[in-house]
Amino acid sequence: MKISNHQDMQILQQELRPWLEKRGISLQAFDNLPVFQKIWLHGAAYAGNLSLSDAQLRTLHQNLGLGERRTGRGGQFGPAAVESIEHERLKEIFRPLPPSESLPDLYKY
């Protein structure tokens, strides 16, 4: 997918919004991704292209904040050990939503 302008980026975000919401990922976390990682995410989580490498999936997992968890002291957040997640589990996380779980995107109307 070639992203050429702001409008293309908005379309990409609209297509991914149900997936992001289902996973509890904020739009800000998505917006903070570099363009090439947004394309990776779209390819995996929307288009179903799960040919991303293990390293690419781990990078997305970490950059989207999926690896954050509460630590024991002071309620701080820290990265979970993304290295301990099996590749098959990562592929499952980034799999597209089935039609029965897709939420309607009211923002496109």
Protein backbone atom coordinates (compact mmCIF):
# COMPACT_ATOMS: atom_id res chain seq x y z
CA MET A 1 0.00 0.00 0.00
CA LYS A 2 1.33 3.41 -0.94
CA ILE A 3 0.44 6.28 1.37
CA SER A 4 0.58 9.51 -0.59
CA ASN A 5 -1.28 12.08 1.49
CA HIS A 6 -3.20 12.90 4.63
CA GLN A 7 -6.47 11.62 3.17
CA ASP A 8 -4.90 8.20 2.54
CA MET A 9 -3.75 8.13 6.16
CA GLN A 10 -7.28 8.90 7.36
CA ILE A 11 -8.69 6.05 5.27
CA LEU A 12 -6.09 3.71 6.72
CA GLN A 13 -7.05 4.81 10.25
CA GLN A 14 -10.78 4.35 9.53
CA GLU A 15 -10.19 0.84 8.27
CA LEU A 16 -8.15 -0.06 11.34
CA ARG A 17 -10.36 1.70 13.93
CA PRO A 18 -12.51 -1.36 14.76
CA TRP A 19 -9.41 -3.52 15.22
CA LEU A 20 -7.73 -0.89 17.40
CA GLU A 21 -10.83 -0.43 19.55
CA LYS A 22 -11.31 -4.18 19.96
CA ARG A 23 -7.73 -4.49 21.21
CA GLY A 24 -7.96 -1.42 23.46
CA ILE A 25 -5.33 0.52 21.53
CA SER A 26 -5.70 4.28 21.52
CA LEU A 27 -5.75 6.24 18.29
CA GLN A 28 -2.88 8.27 19.72
CA ALA A 29 -0.72 5.13 19.89
CA PHE A 30 -1.60 4.45 16.25
CA ASP A 31 -0.91 8.07 15.26
CA ASN A 32 2.52 7.87 16.91
CA LEU A 33 3.61 5.00 14.68
CA PRO A 34 5.89 5.81 11.74
CA VAL A 35 4.11 5.58 8.38
CA PHE A 36 5.82 2.31 7.43
CA GLN A 37 4.61 0.67 10.67
CA LYS A 38 1.06 1.88 10.00
CA ILE A 39 1.31 0.13 6.64
CA TRP A 40 2.61 -3.05 8.33
CA LEU A 41 -0.29 -2.93 10.77
CA HIS A 42 -2.83 -2.36 8.02
CA GLY A 43 -1.40 -5.24 6.03
CA ALA A 44 -1.66 -7.62 8.97
CA ALA A 45 -4.68 -6.48 10.96
CA TYR A 46 -6.93 -5.32 8.13
CA ALA A 47 -5.82 -7.01 4.91
CA GLY A 48 -4.83 -10.29 6.55
CA ASN A 49 -1.31 -10.31 5.14
CA LEU A 50 0.47 -12.11 7.96
CA SER A 51 3.77 -12.40 6.13
CA LEU A 52 5.37 -9.89 8.49
CA SER A 53 8.58 -11.08 10.08
CA ASP A 54 8.84 -11.95 13.74
CA ALA A 55 10.83 -8.77 14.35
CA GLN A 56 8.21 -6.60 12.61
CA LEU A 57 5.39 -8.10 14.70
CA ARG A 58 7.39 -7.61 17.91
CA THR A 59 8.11 -4.00 16.97
CA LEU A 60 4.41 -3.32 16.34
CA HIS A 61 3.46 -5.06 19.58
CA GLN A 62 5.84 -2.88 21.56
CA ASN A 63 5.15 0.40 19.74
CA LEU A 64 1.38 0.04 20.13
CA GLY A 65 1.79 -0.36 23.88
CA LEU A 66 0.49 -3.92 23.88
CA GLY A 67 3.41 -4.97 26.05
CA GLU A 68 2.78 -2.51 28.84
CA ARG A 69 1.77 -3.78 32.22
CA ARG A 70 1.57 -2.45 35.72
CA THR A 71 4.63 -2.91 37.88
CA GLY A 72 4.47 -3.53 41.59
CA ARG A 73 5.85 -0.19 42.75
CA GLY A 74 4.02 3.07 42.43
CA GLY A 75 1.70 1.91 39.66
CA GLN A 76 4.29 2.63 36.98
CA PHE A 77 4.10 1.05 33.58
CA GLY A 78 6.93 -0.81 31.96
CA PRO A 79 7.42 -2.88 28.82
CA ALA A 80 6.65 -6.57 29.14
CA ALA A 81 9.17 -9.00 27.79
CA VAL A 82 7.93 -9.11 24.20
CA GLU A 83 10.74 -11.55 23.50
CA SER A 84 8.90 -14.19 25.56
CA ILE A 85 5.82 -14.15 23.30
CA GLU A 86 5.72 -16.97 20.77
CA HIS A 87 5.55 -16.00 17.10
CA GLU A 88 2.25 -17.84 16.65
CA ARG A 89 0.72 -15.78 19.49
CA LEU A 90 1.93 -12.58 17.80
CA LYS A 91 0.32 -13.66 14.54
CA GLU A 92 -2.90 -14.33 16.44
CA ILE A 93 -2.82 -10.85 18.02
CA PHE A 94 -2.42 -9.15 14.63
CA ARG A 95 -4.99 -11.28 12.82
CA PRO A 96 -7.93 -9.32 11.33
CA LEU A 97 -11.23 -9.30 13.16
CA PRO A 98 -13.80 -11.77 11.92
CA PRO A 99 -16.89 -10.12 10.44
CA SER A 100 -18.94 -11.08 13.50
CA GLU A 101 -16.60 -9.05 15.75
CA SER A 102 -16.11 -6.07 13.48
CA LEU A 103 -17.55 -2.89 14.87
CA PRO A 104 -19.19 -0.45 12.48
CA ASP A 105 -17.04 2.59 11.86
CA LEU A 106 -19.46 5.46 12.31
CA TYR A 107 -16.78 8.01 11.46
CA LYS A 108 -16.92 7.19 7.76
CA TYR A 109 -20.58 8.28 7.43
